[in-house]
Amino acid sequence: MIRYVWSLICWYIRSLVKWVLRLTTRMCELQRICYGETPGAPRTLALERSLRQSKNVSIKALVAHLDEIADQQGISIKTEREILEEAIKTVLDAKDINPIAHPDFAKSFAKCTESIWGYRQLCVECEELRKTPYDPENPEHEMLLLKLWNLLMPYDPLDARVTKQWQDIGFQGDDPKTDFRGMGLLGLENLVYFAREYPSAATHVLSHSTHPRYGYAFAIVGINLTSMALRLLRDGSAKTHIYNSSKTLPTIRAFHQFYSYLFYEFDGFWIESKPSNMMEFSSIQERFESTIRMALANPTTVFRINVSVDNI
């Protein structure tokens, strides 16, 4: 009851503050955000919050419309411009904003809109990949798996498709297909991206995984980190990084890069923790996730793998 009353008070206070600011600045809340907030996550998060809390009928309809498009993965290079132009026109009309008097508003608003609904669409795409099981009868799946081996072990060809060699890169048994059960094709695509786009970093991490004392199962840990990355994406924690790092529409590449950073950083975190055995994995991963969440709570955070590792 107390929480309900407090939320009601906050709702009225917010409305009153918005009215006063509109009167004194002659700008709506969306304009004040686009002009006053720092570009990237601070501005985009504030704009997203404002749009979703809006009581304006046209704005509410626009938000629902954009949600539906993103949920159907309808934002692409071909459709994006039309979608953004429609969104800008709706807001200009709903908030009575003169585009000639405020030429910078449309550009700023469009960038935030692109990030907000690109992120939502990215969540849908990642979930679809997670739900797609690894199929050994699918040639594309098999080629992707073999590509992972060739990227990580280029000088050690496989003896057979089913072989104990898979354990050398951290799979549990002779056939990796069972290890993708939880994260589906998303887990495999993450591993391949990391090994392909950051070869020195991946080799660096793989060498640590074979450490005689602090070693771990590279592939299994990688799949667990896919689960962690997806969790951060779903609950919105990853918005800070994605909104700050994406120059254009966030795509699956943005998630792969986020994952690659997590894998590289977790490796260092694991070694520094000096675990006595793999039984400590859960507790160390929980501490690592807490560290990442704390970093993401800072609206200026953007993660990048230290490129100097490529010179090692």
Protein backbone atom coordinates (compact mmCIF):
# COMPACT_ATOMS: atom_id res chain seq x y z
CA MET A 1 0.00 0.00 0.00
CA ILE A 2 2.82 2.41 0.95
CA ARG A 3 4.64 1.60 -2.30
CA TYR A 4 1.47 2.28 -4.31
CA VAL A 5 0.90 5.64 -2.60
CA TRP A 6 4.53 6.62 -3.12
CA SER A 7 4.43 5.70 -6.82
CA LEU A 8 1.24 7.76 -7.18
CA ILE A 9 2.91 10.76 -5.54
CA CYS A 10 5.96 10.40 -7.81
CA TRP A 11 3.69 10.22 -10.84
CA TYR A 12 1.98 13.51 -9.93
CA ILE A 13 5.27 15.18 -9.01
CA ARG A 14 6.83 14.12 -12.31
CA SER A 15 3.87 15.54 -14.24
CA LEU A 16 4.09 18.81 -12.33
CA VAL A 17 7.86 19.12 -12.86
CA LYS A 18 7.46 18.41 -16.58
CA TRP A 19 4.77 21.09 -16.85
CA VAL A 20 6.90 23.68 -15.06
CA LEU A 21 9.97 22.89 -17.17
CA ARG A 22 7.96 23.02 -20.38
CA LEU A 23 6.64 26.42 -19.34
CA THR A 24 10.05 27.81 -18.42
CA THR A 25 12.23 26.28 -21.14
CA ARG A 26 9.60 26.18 -23.92
CA MET A 27 10.80 22.66 -24.69
CA CYS A 28 9.22 19.25 -24.06
CA GLU A 29 11.00 16.57 -22.02
CA LEU A 30 12.22 14.78 -25.16
CA GLN A 31 13.89 17.96 -26.37
CA ARG A 32 15.49 18.62 -23.01
CA ILE A 33 16.93 15.10 -23.00
CA CYS A 34 18.24 15.31 -26.57
CA TYR A 35 19.88 18.67 -25.90
CA GLY A 36 20.96 18.21 -22.31
CA GLU A 37 22.04 14.60 -21.84
CA THR A 38 25.43 13.22 -22.90
CA PRO A 39 25.26 11.26 -26.21
CA GLY A 40 25.26 7.49 -25.88
CA ALA A 41 23.76 5.58 -22.98
CA PRO A 42 22.91 8.59 -20.73
CA ARG A 43 20.81 10.21 -23.47
CA THR A 44 19.34 6.99 -24.89
CA LEU A 45 18.34 5.55 -21.50
CA ALA A 46 16.71 8.83 -20.49
CA LEU A 47 14.84 9.08 -23.79
CA GLU A 48 13.69 5.48 -23.57
CA ARG A 49 12.39 6.04 -20.06
CA SER A 50 10.55 9.19 -21.14
CA LEU A 51 8.93 7.53 -24.16
CA ARG A 52 7.72 4.53 -22.16
CA GLN A 53 6.32 6.72 -19.37
CA SER A 54 4.56 9.10 -21.75
CA LYS A 55 0.81 9.56 -21.39
CA ASN A 56 0.49 11.07 -24.85
CA VAL A 57 -1.76 8.82 -26.97
CA SER A 58 0.32 9.24 -30.13
CA ILE A 59 3.59 8.53 -28.32
CA LYS A 60 2.14 5.44 -26.63
CA ALA A 61 0.93 4.16 -30.00
CA LEU A 62 4.35 4.84 -31.52
CA VAL A 63 6.13 2.89 -28.77
CA ALA A 64 3.78 -0.07 -29.21
CA HIS A 65 4.26 0.07 -33.00
CA LEU A 66 8.06 0.11 -32.73
CA ASP A 67 7.97 -2.73 -30.18
CA GLU A 68 5.96 -4.83 -32.62
CA ILE A 69 8.35 -4.14 -35.51
CA ALA A 70 11.38 -5.03 -33.38
CA ASP A 71 9.72 -8.20 -32.06
CA GLN A 72 9.17 -9.28 -35.67
CA GLN A 73 12.78 -8.34 -36.54
CA GLY A 74 11.50 -5.87 -39.09
CA ILE A 75 14.26 -3.27 -38.75
CA SER A 76 16.85 -3.62 -41.51
CA ILE A 77 19.03 -1.48 -43.75
CA LYS A 78 16.12 -1.30 -46.22
CA THR A 79 13.38 -0.43 -43.72
CA GLU A 80 15.22 1.59 -41.07
CA ARG A 81 15.08 4.99 -42.73
CA GLU A 82 11.32 4.84 -43.30
CA ILE A 83 10.70 3.62 -39.74
CA LEU A 84 12.80 6.42 -38.23
CA GLU A 85 11.22 9.11 -40.41
CA GLU A 86 7.76 7.97 -39.34
CA ALA A 87 8.80 8.01 -35.67
CA ILE A 88 10.30 11.49 -35.95
CA LYS A 89 7.18 12.87 -37.67
CA THR A 90 4.94 11.36 -34.99
CA VAL A 91 6.93 12.98 -32.19
CA LEU A 92 7.22 16.36 -33.92
CA ASP A 93 3.45 16.43 -34.38
CA ALA A 94 2.61 15.06 -30.93
CA LYS A 95 4.92 17.50 -29.12
CA ASP A 96 4.37 20.44 -31.49
CA ILE A 97 8.08 20.76 -32.24
CA ASN A 98 9.09 23.04 -35.09
CA PRO A 99 11.76 21.15 -37.10
CA ILE A 100 13.11 24.39 -38.58
CA ALA A 101 13.57 25.99 -35.16
CA HIS A 102 15.01 22.75 -33.75
CA PRO A 103 17.03 21.13 -36.59
CA ASP A 104 19.25 19.05 -34.27
CA PHE A 105 16.38 17.34 -32.47
CA ALA A 106 15.46 14.93 -35.26
CA LYS A 107 19.02 13.65 -35.67
CA SER A 108 19.48 13.09 -31.94
CA PHE A 109 16.06 11.49 -31.51
CA ALA A 110 16.61 9.19 -34.51
CA LYS A 111 19.94 7.93 -33.14
CA CYS A 112 18.37 7.09 -29.78
CA THR A 113 15.38 5.41 -31.43
CA GLU A 114 17.72 3.31 -33.58
CA SER A 115 19.59 2.13 -30.47
CA ILE A 116 16.49 1.46 -28.34
CA TRP A 117 14.63 -0.69 -30.82
CA GLY A 118 17.77 -2.16 -32.33
CA TYR A 119 18.57 -3.47 -28.85
CA ARG A 120 15.08 -4.93 -28.50
CA GLN A 121 15.42 -6.62 -31.89
CA LEU A 122 18.85 -7.94 -30.88
CA CYS A 123 17.29 -9.61 -27.84
CA VAL A 124 14.79 -11.39 -30.11
CA GLU A 125 17.52 -12.53 -32.51
CA CYS A 126 19.72 -13.87 -29.71
CA GLU A 127 16.78 -15.75 -28.20
CA GLU A 128 16.00 -17.37 -31.54
CA LEU A 129 19.60 -18.54 -31.88
CA ARG A 130 19.53 -19.88 -28.33
CA LYS A 131 16.40 -21.86 -29.13
CA THR A 132 17.96 -23.31 -32.29
CA PRO A 133 19.46 -26.67 -31.30
CA TYR A 134 22.74 -27.85 -32.75
CA ASP A 135 21.85 -30.32 -35.50
CA PRO A 136 24.62 -32.69 -36.64
CA GLU A 137 22.54 -33.39 -39.77
CA ASN A 138 22.71 -29.72 -40.75
CA PRO A 139 25.80 -29.11 -42.95
CA GLU A 140 25.97 -25.43 -41.90
CA HIS A 141 26.06 -26.37 -38.22
CA GLU A 142 28.74 -28.97 -38.85
CA MET A 143 30.85 -26.53 -40.88
CA LEU A 144 30.61 -23.96 -38.09
CA LEU A 145 31.76 -26.50 -35.51
CA LEU A 146 34.70 -27.61 -37.66
CA LYS A 147 35.57 -23.96 -38.22
CA LEU A 148 35.87 -23.51 -34.46
CA TRP A 149 38.38 -26.35 -34.30
CA ASN A 150 40.40 -25.05 -37.25
CA LEU A 151 40.54 -21.56 -35.75
CA LEU A 152 41.73 -22.77 -32.36
CA MET A 153 43.87 -25.74 -33.45
CA PRO A 154 45.09 -24.88 -36.99
CA TYR A 155 48.13 -27.16 -36.80
CA ASP A 156 46.35 -30.18 -35.32
CA PRO A 157 43.79 -31.68 -37.75
CA LEU A 158 40.93 -33.76 -36.37
CA ASP A 159 41.31 -37.53 -36.62
CA ALA A 160 37.55 -37.91 -36.99
CA ARG A 161 34.29 -36.02 -36.47
CA VAL A 162 33.73 -37.82 -33.16
CA THR A 163 37.00 -37.90 -31.24
CA LYS A 164 38.55 -37.26 -27.84
CA GLN A 165 40.42 -34.36 -29.44
CA TRP A 166 37.40 -32.13 -28.79
CA GLN A 167 38.32 -32.27 -25.12
CA ASP A 168 41.53 -30.42 -25.98
CA ILE A 169 39.48 -27.26 -26.51
CA GLY A 170 37.27 -27.85 -23.51
CA PHE A 171 34.30 -29.94 -24.61
CA GLN A 172 33.10 -32.61 -22.19
CA GLY A 173 33.11 -35.63 -24.45
CA ASP A 174 33.94 -37.00 -27.87
CA ASP A 175 31.05 -35.16 -29.60
CA PRO A 176 30.49 -31.46 -28.81
CA LYS A 177 26.88 -31.44 -30.00
CA THR A 178 25.53 -32.32 -26.54
CA ASP A 179 27.33 -29.38 -24.90
CA PHE A 180 25.30 -26.84 -26.90
CA ARG A 181 22.03 -28.11 -25.46
CA GLY A 182 21.49 -25.12 -23.16
CA MET A 183 22.58 -22.24 -25.41
CA GLY A 184 21.93 -23.78 -28.82
CA LEU A 185 23.53 -22.24 -31.87
CA LEU A 186 24.15 -18.98 -30.00
CA GLY A 187 26.84 -20.67 -27.90
CA LEU A 188 28.64 -21.99 -30.97
CA GLU A 189 28.41 -18.69 -32.87
CA ASN A 190 29.86 -16.84 -29.86
CA LEU A 191 32.85 -19.18 -29.68
CA VAL A 192 33.51 -18.97 -33.42
CA TYR A 193 33.28 -15.18 -33.42
CA PHE A 194 35.72 -14.86 -30.53
CA ALA A 195 38.21 -17.22 -32.18
CA ARG A 196 37.86 -15.60 -35.62
CA GLU A 197 37.77 -11.89 -34.75
CA TYR A 198 40.20 -11.95 -31.80
CA PRO A 199 42.57 -14.81 -32.70
CA SER A 200 45.43 -13.74 -30.43
CA ALA A 201 43.09 -13.13 -27.51
CA ALA A 202 41.38 -16.50 -28.06
CA THR A 203 44.74 -18.30 -28.29
CA HIS A 204 45.85 -16.47 -25.15
CA VAL A 205 42.72 -17.61 -23.29
CA LEU A 206 42.95 -21.18 -24.63
CA SER A 207 46.55 -21.44 -23.38
CA HIS A 208 45.40 -20.38 -19.91
CA SER A 209 42.67 -23.02 -19.99
CA THR A 210 45.37 -25.72 -20.19
CA HIS A 211 47.29 -24.36 -17.21
CA PRO A 212 48.42 -27.31 -15.03
CA ARG A 213 47.02 -25.73 -11.88
CA TYR A 214 44.40 -23.15 -12.89
CA GLY A 215 43.17 -24.74 -16.11
CA TYR A 216 39.49 -24.99 -17.06
CA ALA A 217 37.31 -26.35 -19.87
CA PHE A 218 37.57 -23.60 -22.52
CA ALA A 219 34.44 -24.45 -24.55
CA ILE A 220 32.24 -25.27 -21.55
CA VAL A 221 33.23 -22.04 -19.80
CA GLY A 222 32.61 -20.18 -23.07
CA ILE A 223 29.08 -21.59 -23.30
CA ASN A 224 28.44 -20.64 -19.67
CA LEU A 225 29.54 -17.09 -20.50
CA THR A 226 27.07 -17.06 -23.41
CA SER A 227 24.39 -17.71 -20.79
CA MET A 228 25.71 -14.85 -18.67
CA ALA A 229 25.91 -12.44 -21.61
CA LEU A 230 22.35 -13.31 -22.62
CA ARG A 231 21.15 -12.77 -19.06
CA LEU A 232 22.70 -9.29 -19.02
CA LEU A 233 21.14 -8.56 -22.41
CA ARG A 234 17.66 -9.72 -21.38
CA ASP A 235 17.48 -7.77 -18.12
CA GLY A 236 18.73 -4.59 -19.78
CA SER A 237 22.05 -4.36 -17.94
CA ALA A 238 23.95 -4.56 -21.24
CA LYS A 239 22.17 -1.47 -22.58
CA THR A 240 24.90 0.77 -21.17
CA HIS A 241 27.62 -0.92 -23.22
CA ILE A 242 25.50 -1.45 -26.36
CA TYR A 243 24.16 2.10 -26.41
CA ASN A 244 27.66 3.54 -25.94
CA SER A 245 29.43 1.27 -28.42
CA SER A 246 26.96 1.03 -31.32
CA LYS A 247 27.47 3.67 -34.00
CA THR A 248 24.62 2.25 -36.07
CA LEU A 249 21.77 -0.23 -35.58
CA PRO A 250 22.85 -2.81 -32.97
CA THR A 251 23.10 -6.26 -34.60
CA ILE A 252 24.19 -9.73 -33.54
CA ARG A 253 27.77 -8.54 -34.02
CA ALA A 254 27.31 -6.22 -31.02
CA PHE A 255 26.37 -9.21 -28.86
CA HIS A 256 29.32 -11.27 -30.11
CA GLN A 257 31.69 -8.42 -29.26
CA PHE A 258 30.15 -8.07 -25.80
CA TYR A 259 30.58 -11.82 -25.28
CA SER A 260 34.19 -11.74 -26.50
CA TYR A 261 35.02 -9.06 -23.96
CA LEU A 262 33.41 -11.09 -21.17
CA PHE A 263 35.33 -14.24 -22.11
CA TYR A 264 38.66 -12.45 -22.26
CA GLU A 265 38.08 -10.65 -18.96
CA PHE A 266 36.76 -13.75 -17.21
CA ASP A 267 39.94 -15.61 -18.10
CA GLY A 268 42.02 -12.97 -16.30
CA PHE A 269 39.57 -12.90 -13.38
CA TRP A 270 39.77 -16.69 -13.06
CA ILE A 271 43.57 -16.79 -13.05
CA GLU A 272 43.75 -13.94 -10.51
CA SER A 273 41.29 -15.82 -8.27
CA LYS A 274 43.74 -18.77 -8.11
CA PRO A 275 41.04 -21.46 -7.80
CA SER A 276 41.98 -24.74 -6.20
CA ASN A 277 39.76 -26.66 -8.65
CA MET A 278 36.81 -26.35 -11.06
CA MET A 279 34.38 -26.72 -8.15
CA GLU A 280 34.95 -23.02 -7.51
CA PHE A 281 33.67 -22.06 -10.95
CA SER A 282 30.14 -21.06 -9.86
CA SER A 283 31.28 -18.79 -7.04
CA ILE A 284 33.98 -17.16 -9.18
CA GLN A 285 31.55 -16.61 -12.04
CA GLU A 286 29.05 -15.02 -9.63
CA ARG A 287 31.72 -12.61 -8.41
CA PHE A 288 32.73 -11.86 -11.98
CA GLU A 289 29.13 -11.16 -12.98
CA SER A 290 28.72 -8.83 -10.00
CA THR A 291 31.85 -6.94 -11.11
CA ILE A 292 30.48 -6.60 -14.64
CA ARG A 293 27.09 -5.44 -13.36
CA MET A 294 28.77 -2.78 -11.23
CA ALA A 295 30.67 -1.53 -14.27
CA LEU A 296 27.50 -1.48 -16.38
CA ALA A 297 25.73 0.58 -13.71
CA ASN A 298 27.99 3.45 -14.79
CA PRO A 299 26.24 5.09 -17.80
CA THR A 300 29.58 5.95 -19.43
CA THR A 301 30.81 2.33 -19.53
CA VAL A 302 31.88 0.78 -22.82
CA PHE A 303 33.82 -2.50 -22.97
CA ARG A 304 36.71 -3.12 -25.35
CA ILE A 305 39.20 -5.96 -25.49
CA ASN A 306 42.74 -4.69 -24.98
CA VAL A 307 44.04 -4.80 -28.56
CA SER A 308 47.65 -4.97 -27.33
CA VAL A 309 47.08 -8.69 -26.72
CA ASP A 310 47.17 -9.14 -30.50
CA ASN A 311 50.89 -8.38 -30.37
CA ILE A 312 51.70 -11.08 -27.83
